[in-house]
Amino acid sequence: MIEQVKIIKLTGNLNATTSQEFRQNITELLESGAKIVLVDFKDVTFMDSSGLGALVLAFKTLRSADSKLVLCSINEQVRILFELTNMDKVFDIFPSQDAFNQVLVSNT
């Protein structure tokens, strides 16, 4: 099961300019057979509503293919955006990749 986890490490901004590339990455990972896509926000400095929209679209796309989108290492600005939009209730958000891996290993 672990080999079906694919990781996307985002850097900089997730906004209108970069969200198209993010959606393309999601499509490619889905086509490669990913069952879980972990999006690592450790190096993301800013996310706007376009970035959030891209995440929601990715979430729906993966869910319709019986796959899952999981997030980790979000910063305070991104966390506030998630909380204001109640998206923190929609997405599984882990403090780090290690925390996600521990949960994944304990569930297998």
PDB file of N, CA and C in Angstrom:
ATOM      1  N   MET A   1       0.821  -1.197   0.000  1.00  0.00           N
ATOM      2  CA  MET A   1       0.000   0.000   0.000  1.00  0.00           C
ATOM      3  C   MET A   1       0.867   1.264   0.000  1.00  0.00           C
ATOM      4  N   ILE A   2       2.025   1.210   0.659  1.00  0.00           N
ATOM      5  CA  ILE A   2       2.866   2.406   0.766  1.00  0.00           C
ATOM      6  C   ILE A   2       3.313   2.883  -0.613  1.00  0.00           C
ATOM      7  N   GLU A   3       3.550   1.958  -1.555  1.00  0.00           N
ATOM      8  CA  GLU A   3       3.993   2.379  -2.881  1.00  0.00           C
ATOM      9  C   GLU A   3       2.889   3.110  -3.645  1.00  0.00           C
ATOM     10  N   GLN A   4       1.651   3.038  -3.187  1.00  0.00           N
ATOM     11  CA  GLN A   4       0.559   3.743  -3.851  1.00  0.00           C
ATOM     12  C   GLN A   4       0.380   5.159  -3.306  1.00  0.00           C
ATOM     13  N   VAL A   5       1.224   5.549  -2.357  1.00  0.00           N
ATOM     14  CA  VAL A   5       1.208   6.914  -1.839  1.00  0.00           C
ATOM     15  C   VAL A   5       2.170   7.746  -2.683  1.00  0.00           C
ATOM     16  N   LYS A   6       1.662   8.798  -3.260  1.00  0.00           N
ATOM     17  CA  LYS A   6       2.487   9.713  -4.053  1.00  0.00           C
ATOM     18  C   LYS A   6       2.530  11.050  -3.326  1.00  0.00           C
ATOM     19  N   ILE A   7       3.682  11.688  -3.367  1.00  0.00           N
ATOM     20  CA  ILE A   7       3.873  12.945  -2.639  1.00  0.00           C
ATOM     21  C   ILE A   7       4.120  14.076  -3.628  1.00  0.00           C
ATOM     22  N   ILE A   8       3.391  15.171  -3.415  1.00  0.00           N
ATOM     23  CA  ILE A   8       3.646  16.409  -4.151  1.00  0.00           C
ATOM     24  C   ILE A   8       4.185  17.409  -3.146  1.00  0.00           C
ATOM     25  N   LYS A   9       5.397  17.903  -3.408  1.00  0.00           N
ATOM     26  CA  LYS A   9       5.983  18.935  -2.546  1.00  0.00           C
ATOM     27  C   LYS A   9       5.811  20.268  -3.248  1.00  0.00           C
ATOM     28  N   LEU A  10       4.987  21.107  -2.663  1.00  0.00           N
ATOM     29  CA  LEU A  10       4.757  22.426  -3.227  1.00  0.00           C
ATOM     30  C   LEU A  10       5.768  23.415  -2.652  1.00  0.00           C
ATOM     31  N   THR A  11       6.107  24.439  -3.439  1.00  0.00           N
ATOM     32  CA  THR A  11       7.002  25.485  -2.960  1.00  0.00           C
ATOM     33  C   THR A  11       6.452  26.845  -3.380  1.00  0.00           C
ATOM     34  N   GLY A  12       6.747  27.844  -2.573  1.00  0.00           N
ATOM     35  CA  GLY A  12       6.348  29.204  -2.912  1.00  0.00           C
ATOM     36  C   GLY A  12       4.862  29.437  -2.735  1.00  0.00           C
ATOM     37  N   ASN A  13       4.209  29.875  -3.806  1.00  0.00           N
ATOM     38  CA  ASN A  13       2.790  30.214  -3.766  1.00  0.00           C
ATOM     39  C   ASN A  13       1.934  29.158  -4.462  1.00  0.00           C
ATOM     40  N   LEU A  14       0.744  28.924  -3.916  1.00  0.00           N
ATOM     41  CA  LEU A  14      -0.269  28.146  -4.624  1.00  0.00           C
ATOM     42  C   LEU A  14      -1.377  29.145  -4.928  1.00  0.00           C
ATOM     43  N   ASN A  15      -1.387  29.621  -6.183  1.00  0.00           N
ATOM     44  CA  ASN A  15      -2.331  30.654  -6.582  1.00  0.00           C
ATOM     45  C   ASN A  15      -2.767  30.417  -8.027  1.00  0.00           C
ATOM     46  N   ALA A  16      -3.382  31.418  -8.642  1.00  0.00           N
ATOM     47  CA  ALA A  16      -3.885  31.266 -10.010  1.00  0.00           C
ATOM     48  C   ALA A  16      -2.771  30.890 -10.988  1.00  0.00           C
ATOM     49  N   THR A  17      -1.577  31.408 -10.760  1.00  0.00           N
ATOM     50  CA  THR A  17      -0.451  31.146 -11.655  1.00  0.00           C
ATOM     51  C   THR A  17       0.042  29.701 -11.545  1.00  0.00           C
ATOM     52  N   THR A  18       0.070  29.162 -10.337  1.00  0.00           N
ATOM     53  CA  THR A  18       0.659  27.833 -10.127  1.00  0.00           C
ATOM     54  C   THR A  18      -0.372  26.710 -10.005  1.00  0.00           C
ATOM     55  N   SER A  19      -1.646  27.052  -9.877  1.00  0.00           N
ATOM     56  CA  SER A  19      -2.651  26.004  -9.640  1.00  0.00           C
ATOM     57  C   SER A  19      -2.857  25.106 -10.858  1.00  0.00           C
ATOM     58  N   GLN A  20      -2.645  25.622 -12.072  1.00  0.00           N
ATOM     59  CA  GLN A  20      -2.783  24.788 -13.270  1.00  0.00           C
ATOM     60  C   GLN A  20      -1.750  23.665 -13.271  1.00  0.00           C
ATOM     61  N   GLU A  21      -0.512  24.001 -12.913  1.00  0.00           N
ATOM     62  CA  GLU A  21       0.541  22.985 -12.838  1.00  0.00           C
ATOM     63  C   GLU A  21       0.213  21.958 -11.749  1.00  0.00           C
ATOM     64  N   PHE A  22      -0.315  22.430 -10.633  1.00  0.00           N
ATOM     65  CA  PHE A  22      -0.717  21.528  -9.550  1.00  0.00           C
ATOM     66  C   PHE A  22      -1.792  20.548 -10.036  1.00  0.00           C
ATOM     67  N   ARG A  23      -2.804  21.058 -10.736  1.00  0.00           N
ATOM     68  CA  ARG A  23      -3.871  20.178 -11.248  1.00  0.00           C
ATOM     69  C   ARG A  23      -3.313  19.154 -12.234  1.00  0.00           C
ATOM     70  N   GLN A  24      -2.348  19.568 -13.063  1.00  0.00           N
ATOM     71  CA  GLN A  24      -1.713  18.647 -14.002  1.00  0.00           C
ATOM     72  C   GLN A  24      -0.967  17.548 -13.242  1.00  0.00           C
ATOM     73  N   ASN A  25      -0.268  17.911 -12.172  1.00  0.00           N
ATOM     74  CA  ASN A  25       0.429  16.915 -11.350  1.00  0.00           C
ATOM     75  C   ASN A  25      -0.554  15.908 -10.758  1.00  0.00           C
ATOM     76  N   ILE A  26      -1.698  16.382 -10.283  1.00  0.00           N
ATOM     77  CA  ILE A  26      -2.716  15.492  -9.720  1.00  0.00           C
ATOM     78  C   ILE A  26      -3.188  14.501 -10.777  1.00  0.00           C
ATOM     79  N   THR A  27      -3.467  14.994 -11.983  1.00  0.00           N
ATOM     80  CA  THR A  27      -3.927  14.130 -13.073  1.00  0.00           C
ATOM     81  C   THR A  27      -2.892  13.055 -13.385  1.00  0.00           C
ATOM     82  N   GLU A  28      -1.624  13.450 -13.456  1.00  0.00           N
ATOM     83  CA  GLU A  28      -0.556  12.487 -13.753  1.00  0.00           C
ATOM     84  C   GLU A  28      -0.429  11.435 -12.659  1.00  0.00           C
ATOM     85  N   LEU A  29      -0.518  11.855 -11.403  1.00  0.00           N
ATOM     86  CA  LEU A  29      -0.412  10.901 -10.301  1.00  0.00           C
ATOM     87  C   LEU A  29      -1.590   9.938 -10.296  1.00  0.00           C
ATOM     88  N   LEU A  30      -2.760  10.436 -10.614  1.00  0.00           N
ATOM     89  CA  LEU A  30      -3.944   9.582 -10.674  1.00  0.00           C
ATOM     90  C   LEU A  30      -3.784   8.540 -11.777  1.00  0.00           C
ATOM     91  N   GLU A  31      -3.272   8.963 -12.916  1.00  0.00           N
ATOM     92  CA  GLU A  31      -3.051   8.048 -14.032  1.00  0.00           C
ATOM     93  C   GLU A  31      -1.977   7.016 -13.708  1.00  0.00           C
ATOM     94  N   SER A  32      -1.059   7.357 -12.791  1.00  0.00           N
ATOM     95  CA  SER A  32       0.002   6.417 -12.426  1.00  0.00           C
ATOM     96  C   SER A  32      -0.461   5.416 -11.359  1.00  0.00           C
ATOM     97  N   GLY A  33      -1.709   5.533 -10.918  1.00  0.00           N
ATOM     98  CA  GLY A  33      -2.257   4.558  -9.980  1.00  0.00           C
ATOM     99  C   GLY A  33      -2.173   4.938  -8.525  1.00  0.00           C
ATOM    100  N   ALA A  34      -1.957   6.194  -8.229  1.00  0.00           N
ATOM    101  CA  ALA A  34      -1.867   6.634  -6.832  1.00  0.00           C
ATOM    102  C   ALA A  34      -3.200   6.423  -6.126  1.00  0.00           C
ATOM    103  N   LYS A  35      -3.156   5.840  -4.947  1.00  0.00           N
ATOM    104  CA  LYS A  35      -4.359   5.682  -4.133  1.00  0.00           C
ATOM    105  C   LYS A  35      -4.463   6.779  -3.088  1.00  0.00           C
ATOM    106  N   ILE A  36      -3.315   7.301  -2.677  1.00  0.00           N
ATOM    107  CA  ILE A  36      -3.271   8.422  -1.743  1.00  0.00           C
ATOM    108  C   ILE A  36      -2.262   9.434  -2.288  1.00  0.00           C
ATOM    109  N   VAL A  37      -2.685  10.690  -2.378  1.00  0.00           N
ATOM    110  CA  VAL A  37      -1.775  11.762  -2.771  1.00  0.00           C
ATOM    111  C   VAL A  37      -1.571  12.649  -1.546  1.00  0.00           C
ATOM    112  N   LEU A  38      -0.336  12.721  -1.103  1.00  0.00           N
ATOM    113  CA  LEU A  38       0.029  13.563   0.039  1.00  0.00           C
ATOM    114  C   LEU A  38       0.627  14.858  -0.503  1.00  0.00           C
ATOM    115  N   VAL A  39      -0.004  15.972  -0.178  1.00  0.00           N
ATOM    116  CA  VAL A  39       0.492  17.275  -0.611  1.00  0.00           C
ATOM    117  C   VAL A  39       1.225  17.908   0.567  1.00  0.00           C
ATOM    118  N   ASP A  40       2.531  18.087   0.395  1.00  0.00           N
ATOM    119  CA  ASP A  40       3.380  18.643   1.447  1.00  0.00           C
ATOM    120  C   ASP A  40       3.492  20.153   1.266  1.00  0.00           C
ATOM    121  N   PHE A  41       2.978  20.893   2.231  1.00  0.00           N
ATOM    122  CA  PHE A  41       2.958  22.352   2.190  1.00  0.00           C
ATOM    123  C   PHE A  41       4.131  22.989   2.931  1.00  0.00           C
ATOM    124  N   LYS A  42       5.122  22.195   3.304  1.00  0.00           N
ATOM    125  CA  LYS A  42       6.221  22.695   4.140  1.00  0.00           C
ATOM    126  C   LYS A  42       6.872  23.959   3.571  1.00  0.00           C
ATOM    127  N   ASP A  43       7.050  24.026   2.254  1.00  0.00           N
ATOM    128  CA  ASP A  43       7.736  25.160   1.633  1.00  0.00           C
ATOM    129  C   ASP A  43       6.778  26.131   0.945  1.00  0.00           C
ATOM    130  N   VAL A  44       5.478  26.042   1.264  1.00  0.00           N
ATOM    131  CA  VAL A  44       4.512  26.981   0.700  1.00  0.00           C
ATOM    132  C   VAL A  44       4.449  28.213   1.599  1.00  0.00           C
ATOM    133  N   THR A  45       4.617  29.371   0.987  1.00  0.00           N
ATOM    134  CA  THR A  45       4.604  30.610   1.761  1.00  0.00           C
ATOM    135  C   THR A  45       3.262  31.329   1.669  1.00  0.00           C
ATOM    136  N   PHE A  46       2.464  31.040   0.614  1.00  0.00           N
ATOM    137  CA  PHE A  46       1.198  31.738   0.423  1.00  0.00           C
ATOM    138  C   PHE A  46       0.247  30.888  -0.408  1.00  0.00           C
ATOM    139  N   MET A  47      -1.043  30.927  -0.045  1.00  0.00           N
ATOM    140  CA  MET A  47      -2.071  30.282  -0.854  1.00  0.00           C
ATOM    141  C   MET A  47      -3.282  31.199  -0.882  1.00  0.00           C
ATOM    142  N   ASP A  48      -3.857  31.396  -2.074  1.00  0.00           N
ATOM    143  CA  ASP A  48      -5.050  32.226  -2.182  1.00  0.00           C
ATOM    144  C   ASP A  48      -6.252  31.369  -2.561  1.00  0.00           C
ATOM    145  N   SER A  49      -7.362  32.015  -2.884  1.00  0.00           N
ATOM    146  CA  SER A  49      -8.594  31.278  -3.186  1.00  0.00           C
ATOM    147  C   SER A  49      -8.455  30.407  -4.432  1.00  0.00           C
ATOM    148  N   SER A  50      -7.622  30.813  -5.383  1.00  0.00           N
ATOM    149  CA  SER A  50      -7.392  29.974  -6.566  1.00  0.00           C
ATOM    150  C   SER A  50      -6.688  28.679  -6.179  1.00  0.00           C
ATOM    151  N   GLY A  51      -5.725  28.795  -5.275  1.00  0.00           N
ATOM    152  CA  GLY A  51      -5.030  27.607  -4.786  1.00  0.00           C
ATOM    153  C   GLY A  51      -5.967  26.698  -4.023  1.00  0.00           C
ATOM    154  N   LEU A  52      -6.821  27.300  -3.198  1.00  0.00           N
ATOM    155  CA  LEU A  52      -7.808  26.514  -2.454  1.00  0.00           C
ATOM    156  C   LEU A  52      -8.769  25.824  -3.415  1.00  0.00           C
ATOM    157  N   GLY A  53      -9.184  26.536  -4.449  1.00  0.00           N
ATOM    158  CA  GLY A  53     -10.057  25.941  -5.464  1.00  0.00           C
ATOM    159  C   GLY A  53      -9.404  24.760  -6.160  1.00  0.00           C
ATOM    160  N   ALA A  54      -8.110  24.893  -6.451  1.00  0.00           N
ATOM    161  CA  ALA A  54      -7.376  23.792  -7.082  1.00  0.00           C
ATOM    162  C   ALA A  54      -7.321  22.579  -6.161  1.00  0.00           C
ATOM    163  N   LEU A  55      -7.156  22.818  -4.855  1.00  0.00           N
ATOM    164  CA  LEU A  55      -7.148  21.717  -3.889  1.00  0.00           C
ATOM    165  C   LEU A  55      -8.505  21.025  -3.823  1.00  0.00           C
ATOM    166  N   VAL A  56      -9.571  21.814  -3.801  1.00  0.00           N
ATOM    167  CA  VAL A  56     -10.918  21.235  -3.742  1.00  0.00           C
ATOM    168  C   VAL A  56     -11.190  20.418  -5.006  1.00  0.00           C
ATOM    169  N   LEU A  57     -10.811  20.941  -6.151  1.00  0.00           N
ATOM    170  CA  LEU A  57     -10.986  20.209  -7.403  1.00  0.00           C
ATOM    171  C   LEU A  57     -10.185  18.907  -7.385  1.00  0.00           C
ATOM    172  N   ALA A  58      -8.951  18.967  -6.892  1.00  0.00           N
ATOM    173  CA  ALA A  58      -8.118  17.764  -6.790  1.00  0.00           C
ATOM    174  C   ALA A  58      -8.759  16.755  -5.844  1.00  0.00           C
ATOM    175  N   PHE A  59      -9.283  17.244  -4.719  1.00  0.00           N
ATOM    176  CA  PHE A  59      -9.961  16.385  -3.745  1.00  0.00           C
ATOM    177  C   PHE A  59     -11.118  15.641  -4.406  1.00  0.00           C
ATOM    178  N   LYS A  60     -11.946  16.378  -5.150  1.00  0.00           N
ATOM    179  CA  LYS A  60     -13.114  15.768  -5.813  1.00  0.00           C
ATOM    180  C   LYS A  60     -12.685  14.802  -6.911  1.00  0.00           C
ATOM    181  N   THR A  61     -11.668  15.180  -7.676  1.00  0.00           N
ATOM    182  CA  THR A  61     -11.175  14.324  -8.756  1.00  0.00           C
ATOM    183  C   THR A  61     -10.661  12.999  -8.201  1.00  0.00           C
ATOM    184  N   LEU A  62      -9.846  13.078  -7.146  1.00  0.00           N
ATOM    185  CA  LEU A  62      -9.287  11.870  -6.543  1.00  0.00           C
ATOM    186  C   LEU A  62     -10.381  11.027  -5.892  1.00  0.00           C
ATOM    187  N   ARG A  63     -11.310  11.672  -5.206  1.00  0.00           N
ATOM    188  CA  ARG A  63     -12.384  10.932  -4.540  1.00  0.00           C
ATOM    189  C   ARG A  63     -13.228  10.163  -5.558  1.00  0.00           C
ATOM    190  N   SER A  64     -13.498  10.774  -6.704  1.00  0.00           N
ATOM    191  CA  SER A  64     -14.303  10.094  -7.720  1.00  0.00           C
ATOM    192  C   SER A  64     -13.566   8.898  -8.319  1.00  0.00           C
ATOM    193  N   ALA A  65     -12.243   8.860  -8.151  1.00  0.00           N
ATOM    194  CA  ALA A  65     -11.443   7.736  -8.640  1.00  0.00           C
ATOM    195  C   ALA A  65     -11.063   6.789  -7.502  1.00  0.00           C
ATOM    196  N   ASP A  66     -11.767   6.884  -6.369  1.00  0.00           N
ATOM    197  CA  ASP A  66     -11.481   6.061  -5.193  1.00  0.00           C
ATOM    198  C   ASP A  66     -10.068   6.256  -4.652  1.00  0.00           C
ATOM    199  N   SER A  67      -9.570   7.457  -4.794  1.00  0.00           N
ATOM    200  CA  SER A  67      -8.278   7.816  -4.222  1.00  0.00           C
ATOM    201  C   SER A  67      -8.512   8.899  -3.179  1.00  0.00           C
ATOM    202  N   LYS A  68      -7.439   9.288  -2.506  1.00  0.00           N
ATOM    203  CA  LYS A  68      -7.584  10.207  -1.388  1.00  0.00           C
ATOM    204  C   LYS A  68      -6.530  11.305  -1.463  1.00  0.00           C
ATOM    205  N   LEU A  69      -6.920  12.517  -1.087  1.00  0.00           N
ATOM    206  CA  LEU A  69      -5.991  13.636  -0.997  1.00  0.00           C
ATOM    207  C   LEU A  69      -5.769  13.959   0.470  1.00  0.00           C
ATOM    208  N   VAL A  70      -4.492  14.021   0.864  1.00  0.00           N
ATOM    209  CA  VAL A  70      -4.109  14.289   2.246  1.00  0.00           C
ATOM    210  C   VAL A  70      -3.098  15.429   2.229  1.00  0.00           C
ATOM    211  N   LEU A  71      -3.165  16.299   3.231  1.00  0.00           N
ATOM    212  CA  LEU A  71      -2.261  17.441   3.310  1.00  0.00           C
ATOM    213  C   LEU A  71      -1.378  17.336   4.547  1.00  0.00           C
ATOM    214  N   CYS A  72      -0.186  17.933   4.471  1.00  0.00           N
ATOM    215  CA  CYS A  72       0.662  17.985   5.664  1.00  0.00           C
ATOM    216  C   CYS A  72       1.497  19.255   5.656  1.00  0.00           C
ATOM    217  N   SER A  73       1.979  19.607   6.832  1.00  0.00           N
ATOM    218  CA  SER A  73       2.938  20.696   7.041  1.00  0.00           C
ATOM    219  C   SER A  73       2.429  22.055   6.567  1.00  0.00           C
ATOM    220  N   ILE A  74       1.151  22.354   6.831  1.00  0.00           N
ATOM    221  CA  ILE A  74       0.648  23.669   6.417  1.00  0.00           C
ATOM    222  C   ILE A  74       1.089  24.740   7.415  1.00  0.00           C
ATOM    223  N   ASN A  75       1.351  25.943   6.901  1.00  0.00           N
ATOM    224  CA  ASN A  75       1.774  27.034   7.778  1.00  0.00           C
ATOM    225  C   ASN A  75       0.555  27.763   8.352  1.00  0.00           C
ATOM    226  N   GLU A  76       0.810  28.770   9.154  1.00  0.00           N
ATOM    227  CA  GLU A  76      -0.266  29.466   9.852  1.00  0.00           C
ATOM    228  C   GLU A  76      -1.213  30.181   8.891  1.00  0.00           C
ATOM    229  N   GLN A  77      -0.676  30.836   7.869  1.00  0.00           N
ATOM    230  CA  GLN A  77      -1.525  31.553   6.896  1.00  0.00           C
ATOM    231  C   GLN A  77      -2.462  30.591   6.173  1.00  0.00           C
ATOM    232  N   VAL A  78      -1.928  29.456   5.761  1.00  0.00           N
ATOM    233  CA  VAL A  78      -2.747  28.461   5.063  1.00  0.00           C
ATOM    234  C   VAL A  78      -3.773  27.862   6.025  1.00  0.00           C
ATOM    235  N   ARG A  79      -3.363  27.597   7.248  1.00  0.00           N
ATOM    236  CA  ARG A  79      -4.285  27.045   8.254  1.00  0.00           C
ATOM    237  C   ARG A  79      -5.467  27.999   8.487  1.00  0.00           C
ATOM    238  N   ILE A  80      -5.181  29.294   8.578  1.00  0.00           N
ATOM    239  CA  ILE A  80      -6.250  30.268   8.785  1.00  0.00           C
ATOM    240  C   ILE A  80      -7.222  30.255   7.608  1.00  0.00           C
ATOM    241  N   LEU A  81      -6.702  30.180   6.393  1.00  0.00           N
ATOM    242  CA  LEU A  81      -7.561  30.104   5.212  1.00  0.00           C
ATOM    243  C   LEU A  81      -8.455  28.868   5.266  1.00  0.00           C
ATOM    244  N   PHE A  82      -7.881  27.732   5.653  1.00  0.00           N
ATOM    245  CA  PHE A  82      -8.674  26.507   5.786  1.00  0.00           C
ATOM    246  C   PHE A  82      -9.757  26.659   6.850  1.00  0.00           C
ATOM    247  N   GLU A  83      -9.400  27.261   7.985  1.00  0.00           N
ATOM    248  CA  GLU A  83     -10.374  27.411   9.071  1.00  0.00           C
ATOM    249  C   GLU A  83     -11.487  28.384   8.704  1.00  0.00           C
ATOM    250  N   LEU A  84     -11.147  29.499   8.049  1.00  0.00           N
ATOM    251  CA  LEU A  84     -12.164  30.478   7.652  1.00  0.00           C
ATOM    252  C   LEU A  84     -13.175  29.910   6.661  1.00  0.00           C
ATOM    253  N   THR A  85     -12.726  28.980   5.831  1.00  0.00           N
ATOM    254  CA  THR A  85     -13.596  28.390   4.810  1.00  0.00           C
ATOM    255  C   THR A  85     -14.149  27.025   5.231  1.00  0.00           C
ATOM    256  N   ASN A  86     -13.838  26.616   6.451  1.00  0.00           N
ATOM    257  CA  ASN A  86     -14.232  25.296   6.977  1.00  0.00           C
ATOM    258  C   ASN A  86     -13.654  24.134   6.185  1.00  0.00           C
ATOM    259  N   MET A  87     -12.632  24.388   5.393  1.00  0.00           N
ATOM    260  CA  MET A  87     -11.994  23.313   4.627  1.00  0.00           C
ATOM    261  C   MET A  87     -11.137  22.421   5.526  1.00  0.00           C
ATOM    262  N   ASP A  88     -10.821  22.900   6.737  1.00  0.00           N
ATOM    263  CA  ASP A  88     -10.085  22.054   7.677  1.00  0.00           C
ATOM    264  C   ASP A  88     -10.934  20.869   8.119  1.00  0.00           C
ATOM    265  N   LYS A  89     -12.249  20.946   7.895  1.00  0.00           N
ATOM    266  CA  LYS A  89     -13.152  19.827   8.207  1.00  0.00           C
ATOM    267  C   LYS A  89     -13.250  18.842   7.043  1.00  0.00           C
ATOM    268  N   VAL A  90     -12.853  19.305   5.844  1.00  0.00           N
ATOM    269  CA  VAL A  90     -12.948  18.491   4.635  1.00  0.00           C
ATOM    270  C   VAL A  90     -11.673  17.673   4.420  1.00  0.00           C
ATOM    271  N   PHE A  91     -10.542  18.330   4.578  1.00  0.00           N
ATOM    272  CA  PHE A  91      -9.251  17.688   4.296  1.00  0.00           C
ATOM    273  C   PHE A  91      -8.675  17.029   5.540  1.00  0.00           C
ATOM    274  N   ASP A  92      -7.990  15.902   5.326  1.00  0.00           N
ATOM    275  CA  ASP A  92      -7.166  15.308   6.381  1.00  0.00           C
ATOM    276  C   ASP A  92      -5.842  16.062   6.367  1.00  0.00           C
ATOM    277  N   ILE A  93      -5.534  16.721   7.487  1.00  0.00           N
ATOM    278  CA  ILE A  93      -4.325  17.533   7.568  1.00  0.00           C
ATOM    279  C   ILE A  93      -3.440  16.988   8.691  1.00  0.00           C
ATOM    280  N   PHE A  94      -2.198  16.659   8.331  1.00  0.00           N
ATOM    281  CA  PHE A  94      -1.242  16.130   9.295  1.00  0.00           C
ATOM    282  C   PHE A  94      -0.169  17.179   9.556  1.00  0.00           C
ATOM    283  N   PRO A  95       0.399  17.183  10.781  1.00  0.00           N
ATOM    284  CA  PRO A  95       1.425  18.177  11.106  1.00  0.00           C
ATOM    285  C   PRO A  95       2.697  18.025  10.266  1.00  0.00           C
ATOM    286  N   SER A  96       2.989  16.785   9.816  1.00  0.00           N
ATOM    287  CA  SER A  96       4.217  16.540   9.056  1.00  0.00           C
ATOM    288  C   SER A  96       4.072  15.250   8.256  1.00  0.00           C
ATOM    289  N   GLN A  97       5.034  15.011   7.353  1.00  0.00           N
ATOM    290  CA  GLN A  97       5.048  13.736   6.622  1.00  0.00           C
ATOM    291  C   GLN A  97       5.239  12.574   7.582  1.00  0.00           C
ATOM    292  N   ASP A  98       6.082  12.765   8.597  1.00  0.00           N
ATOM    293  CA  ASP A  98       6.316  11.694   9.568  1.00  0.00           C
ATOM    294  C   ASP A  98       5.031  11.306  10.287  1.00  0.00           C
ATOM    295  N   ALA A  99       4.236  12.304  10.675  1.00  0.00           N
ATOM    296  CA  ALA A  99       2.968  12.015  11.353  1.00  0.00           C
ATOM    297  C   ALA A  99       2.033  11.239  10.434  1.00  0.00           C
ATOM    298  N   PHE A 100       1.990  11.622   9.164  1.00  0.00           N
ATOM    299  CA  PHE A 100       1.178  10.898   8.194  1.00  0.00           C
ATOM    300  C   PHE A 100       1.672   9.455   8.054  1.00  0.00           C
ATOM    301  N   ASN A 101       2.985   9.282   7.930  1.00  0.00           N
ATOM    302  CA  ASN A 101       3.553   7.932   7.765  1.00  0.00           C
ATOM    303  C   ASN A 101       3.248   7.050   8.960  1.00  0.00           C
ATOM    304  N   GLN A 102       3.282   7.614  10.157  1.00  0.00           N
ATOM    305  CA  GLN A 102       2.981   6.824  11.356  1.00  0.00           C
ATOM    306  C   GLN A 102       1.533   6.330  11.323  1.00  0.00           C
ATOM    307  N   VAL A 103       0.620   7.193  10.932  1.00  0.00           N
ATOM    308  CA  VAL A 103      -0.791   6.799  10.833  1.00  0.00           C
ATOM    309  C   VAL A 103      -0.967   5.744   9.738  1.00  0.00           C
ATOM    310  N   LEU A 104      -0.304   5.950   8.615  1.00  0.00           N
ATOM    311  CA  LEU A 104      -0.397   5.016   7.498  1.00  0.00           C
ATOM    312  C   LEU A 104       0.120   3.640   7.898  1.00  0.00           C
ATOM    313  N   VAL A 105       1.258   3.595   8.552  1.00  0.00           N
ATOM    314  CA  VAL A 105       1.855   2.323   8.979  1.00  0.00           C
ATOM    315  C   VAL A 105       0.959   1.645  10.015  1.00  0.00           C
ATOM    316  N   SER A 106       0.375   2.411  10.931  1.00  0.00           N
ATOM    317  CA  SER A 106      -0.458   1.802  11.968  1.00  0.00           C
ATOM    318  C   SER A 106      -1.786   1.287  11.408  1.00  0.00           C
ATOM    319  N   ASN A 107      -2.181   1.766  10.224  1.00  0.00           N
ATOM    320  CA  ASN A 107      -3.428   1.300   9.599  1.00  0.00           C
ATOM    321  C   ASN A 107      -3.227   0.145   8.638  1.00  0.00           C
ATOM    322  N   THR A 108      -1.977  -0.269   8.405  1.00  0.00           N
ATOM    323  CA  THR A 108      -1.741  -1.378   7.467  1.00  0.00           C
ATOM    324  C   THR A 108      -1.504  -2.672   8.202  1.00  0.00           C
TER     325      THR A 108
END
